[in-house]
Amino acid sequence: FLLRQKLINYKKIETMSTKTQGDDKTCYNCGGTGHLARDCENPRAEGESRDKINNQKKNFRRCFNCGTFGHIADACTKPPNQKGCYHCGKEGHIAKECPEKEAA
């Protein structure tokens, strides 16, 4: 059940990160704006440009353990969370009932 819930939440996060509009889109292939990597016709960025793109991608990663952005559960420094909300990381409710999700 938990693995299924994590997969559902991951897909929601991935969908949210691709629902940007116009010039807000950033390509993780070339680093340009206005399109996504899957639509990119430019050559792959290398060197410092590649490092910058990889750092930008990290900001969209969300930890399924603590609920914060910038890292994944394998790299989380907090103790494993066996219960709580996968949306905000707080205990006392689940993501489906998250008050922060409704406010957004």
C-alpha atoms as a PDB file:
ATOM      1  CA  PHE A   1       0.000   0.000   0.000  1.00  0.00           C
ATOM      2  CA  LEU A   2       2.731   2.508   0.949  1.00  0.00           C
ATOM      3  CA  LEU A   3       4.719   1.814  -2.207  1.00  0.00           C
ATOM      4  CA  ARG A   4       1.590   2.318  -4.320  1.00  0.00           C
ATOM      5  CA  GLN A   5       0.842   5.607  -2.521  1.00  0.00           C
ATOM      6  CA  LYS A   6       4.415   6.812  -3.052  1.00  0.00           C
ATOM      7  CA  LEU A   7       4.163   6.021  -6.765  1.00  0.00           C
ATOM      8  CA  ILE A   8       0.875   7.922  -7.048  1.00  0.00           C
ATOM      9  CA  ASN A   9       2.383  10.925  -5.255  1.00  0.00           C
ATOM     10  CA  TYR A  10       5.502  10.804  -7.433  1.00  0.00           C
ATOM     11  CA  LYS A  11       3.363  10.892 -10.570  1.00  0.00           C
ATOM     12  CA  LYS A  12       1.406  13.873  -9.180  1.00  0.00           C
ATOM     13  CA  ILE A  13       4.634  15.760  -8.439  1.00  0.00           C
ATOM     14  CA  GLU A  14       6.028  14.967 -11.870  1.00  0.00           C
ATOM     15  CA  THR A  15       2.792  16.157 -13.479  1.00  0.00           C
ATOM     16  CA  MET A  16       2.886  19.376 -11.432  1.00  0.00           C
ATOM     17  CA  SER A  17       6.459  20.096 -12.532  1.00  0.00           C
ATOM     18  CA  THR A  18       5.507  19.795 -16.213  1.00  0.00           C
ATOM     19  CA  LYS A  19       2.400  22.008 -15.928  1.00  0.00           C
ATOM     20  CA  THR A  20       4.327  25.220 -16.385  1.00  0.00           C
ATOM     21  CA  GLN A  21       3.266  27.766 -18.958  1.00  0.00           C
ATOM     22  CA  GLY A  22       5.118  29.572 -21.724  1.00  0.00           C
ATOM     23  CA  ASP A  23       8.595  30.862 -20.906  1.00  0.00           C
ATOM     24  CA  ASP A  24       8.425  29.362 -17.405  1.00  0.00           C
ATOM     25  CA  LYS A  25       9.320  25.993 -18.945  1.00  0.00           C
ATOM     26  CA  THR A  26      12.987  25.075 -18.600  1.00  0.00           C
ATOM     27  CA  CYS A  27      14.599  22.453 -20.795  1.00  0.00           C
ATOM     28  CA  TYR A  28      16.719  19.941 -18.866  1.00  0.00           C
ATOM     29  CA  ASN A  29      18.522  19.008 -22.087  1.00  0.00           C
ATOM     30  CA  CYS A  30      19.916  22.327 -23.353  1.00  0.00           C
ATOM     31  CA  GLY A  31      19.054  24.685 -20.475  1.00  0.00           C
ATOM     32  CA  GLY A  32      16.897  26.898 -22.675  1.00  0.00           C
ATOM     33  CA  THR A  33      13.463  28.231 -21.795  1.00  0.00           C
ATOM     34  CA  GLY A  34      10.069  27.899 -23.441  1.00  0.00           C
ATOM     35  CA  HIS A  35      10.219  24.144 -24.039  1.00  0.00           C
ATOM     36  CA  LEU A  36      10.830  20.855 -22.241  1.00  0.00           C
ATOM     37  CA  ALA A  37      13.603  18.305 -22.788  1.00  0.00           C
ATOM     38  CA  ARG A  38      11.253  15.857 -24.495  1.00  0.00           C
ATOM     39  CA  ASP A  39      10.588  18.510 -27.181  1.00  0.00           C
ATOM     40  CA  CYS A  40      14.185  19.752 -27.462  1.00  0.00           C
ATOM     41  CA  GLU A  41      15.952  19.767 -30.827  1.00  0.00           C
ATOM     42  CA  ASN A  42      19.167  21.323 -29.471  1.00  0.00           C
ATOM     43  CA  PRO A  43      22.335  19.428 -28.521  1.00  0.00           C
ATOM     44  CA  ARG A  44      22.711  18.331 -24.901  1.00  0.00           C
ATOM     45  CA  ALA A  45      24.429  20.925 -22.693  1.00  0.00           C
ATOM     46  CA  GLU A  46      27.837  19.946 -21.274  1.00  0.00           C
ATOM     47  CA  GLY A  47      30.257  21.177 -18.591  1.00  0.00           C
ATOM     48  CA  GLU A  48      29.125  24.068 -16.389  1.00  0.00           C
ATOM     49  CA  SER A  49      25.824  24.351 -18.257  1.00  0.00           C
ATOM     50  CA  ARG A  50      25.081  20.679 -17.512  1.00  0.00           C
ATOM     51  CA  ASP A  51      25.893  21.229 -13.810  1.00  0.00           C
ATOM     52  CA  LYS A  52      23.514  24.205 -13.691  1.00  0.00           C
ATOM     53  CA  ILE A  53      20.720  22.151 -15.267  1.00  0.00           C
ATOM     54  CA  ASN A  54      21.279  19.277 -12.837  1.00  0.00           C
ATOM     55  CA  ASN A  55      21.099  21.693  -9.886  1.00  0.00           C
ATOM     56  CA  GLN A  56      17.812  23.105 -11.212  1.00  0.00           C
ATOM     57  CA  LYS A  57      16.382  19.596 -11.474  1.00  0.00           C
ATOM     58  CA  LYS A  58      17.180  18.920  -7.815  1.00  0.00           C
ATOM     59  CA  ASN A  59      14.837  21.733  -6.757  1.00  0.00           C
ATOM     60  CA  PHE A  60      11.875  19.815  -8.205  1.00  0.00           C
ATOM     61  CA  ARG A  61      12.677  16.583  -6.374  1.00  0.00           C
ATOM     62  CA  ARG A  62      10.532  15.930  -3.341  1.00  0.00           C
ATOM     63  CA  CYS A  63      11.474  13.645  -0.497  1.00  0.00           C
ATOM     64  CA  PHE A  64       8.858  11.003   0.268  1.00  0.00           C
ATOM     65  CA  ASN A  65      10.271  10.747   3.793  1.00  0.00           C
ATOM     66  CA  CYS A  66      10.129  14.331   5.088  1.00  0.00           C
ATOM     67  CA  GLY A  67       8.055  15.985   2.338  1.00  0.00           C
ATOM     68  CA  THR A  68      10.511  18.767   1.477  1.00  0.00           C
ATOM     69  CA  PHE A  69      11.943  19.617  -1.940  1.00  0.00           C
ATOM     70  CA  GLY A  70      15.598  19.426  -2.968  1.00  0.00           C
ATOM     71  CA  HIS A  71      16.439  15.795  -2.195  1.00  0.00           C
ATOM     72  CA  ILE A  72      15.030  12.278  -2.349  1.00  0.00           C
ATOM     73  CA  ALA A  73      14.288   9.833   0.471  1.00  0.00           C
ATOM     74  CA  ASP A  74      17.573   7.921   0.012  1.00  0.00           C
ATOM     75  CA  ALA A  75      19.487  11.128   0.783  1.00  0.00           C
ATOM     76  CA  CYS A  76      17.196  12.305   3.607  1.00  0.00           C
ATOM     77  CA  THR A  77      18.905  13.074   6.919  1.00  0.00           C
ATOM     78  CA  LYS A  78      15.710  12.693   8.952  1.00  0.00           C
ATOM     79  CA  PRO A  79      14.719   9.331  10.464  1.00  0.00           C
ATOM     80  CA  PRO A  80      12.425   7.190   8.295  1.00  0.00           C
ATOM     81  CA  ASN A  81       8.830   8.362   8.463  1.00  0.00           C
ATOM     82  CA  GLN A  82       6.464   5.419   8.644  1.00  0.00           C
ATOM     83  CA  LYS A  83       3.333   7.545   8.878  1.00  0.00           C
ATOM     84  CA  GLY A  84       2.098  10.990   8.020  1.00  0.00           C
ATOM     85  CA  CYS A  85       1.288  13.060   4.994  1.00  0.00           C
ATOM     86  CA  TYR A  86       3.290  12.612   1.803  1.00  0.00           C
ATOM     87  CA  HIS A  87       2.232  16.087   0.647  1.00  0.00           C
ATOM     88  CA  CYS A  88       3.434  18.259   3.549  1.00  0.00           C
ATOM     89  CA  GLY A  89       5.365  15.726   5.656  1.00  0.00           C
ATOM     90  CA  LYS A  90       3.359  16.395   8.824  1.00  0.00           C
ATOM     91  CA  GLU A  91       1.712  13.744  10.961  1.00  0.00           C
ATOM     92  CA  GLY A  92      -1.970  13.531  11.813  1.00  0.00           C
ATOM     93  CA  HIS A  93      -3.398  13.208   8.307  1.00  0.00           C
ATOM     94  CA  ILE A  94      -2.676  11.669   4.916  1.00  0.00           C
ATOM     95  CA  ALA A  95      -1.990  13.451   1.619  1.00  0.00           C
ATOM     96  CA  LYS A  96      -5.552  12.975   0.391  1.00  0.00           C
ATOM     97  CA  GLU A  97      -6.796  14.979   3.403  1.00  0.00           C
ATOM     98  CA  CYS A  98      -3.931  17.510   3.564  1.00  0.00           C
ATOM     99  CA  PRO A  99      -5.086  21.036   4.507  1.00  0.00           C
ATOM    100  CA  GLU A 100      -2.060  22.555   2.758  1.00  0.00           C
ATOM    101  CA  LYS A 101      -3.001  20.820  -0.481  1.00  0.00           C
ATOM    102  CA  GLU A 102      -6.472  22.394  -0.377  1.00  0.00           C
ATOM    103  CA  ALA A 103      -5.011  25.849   0.276  1.00  0.00           C
ATOM    104  CA  ALA A 104      -2.728  25.675  -2.770  1.00  0.00           C
END
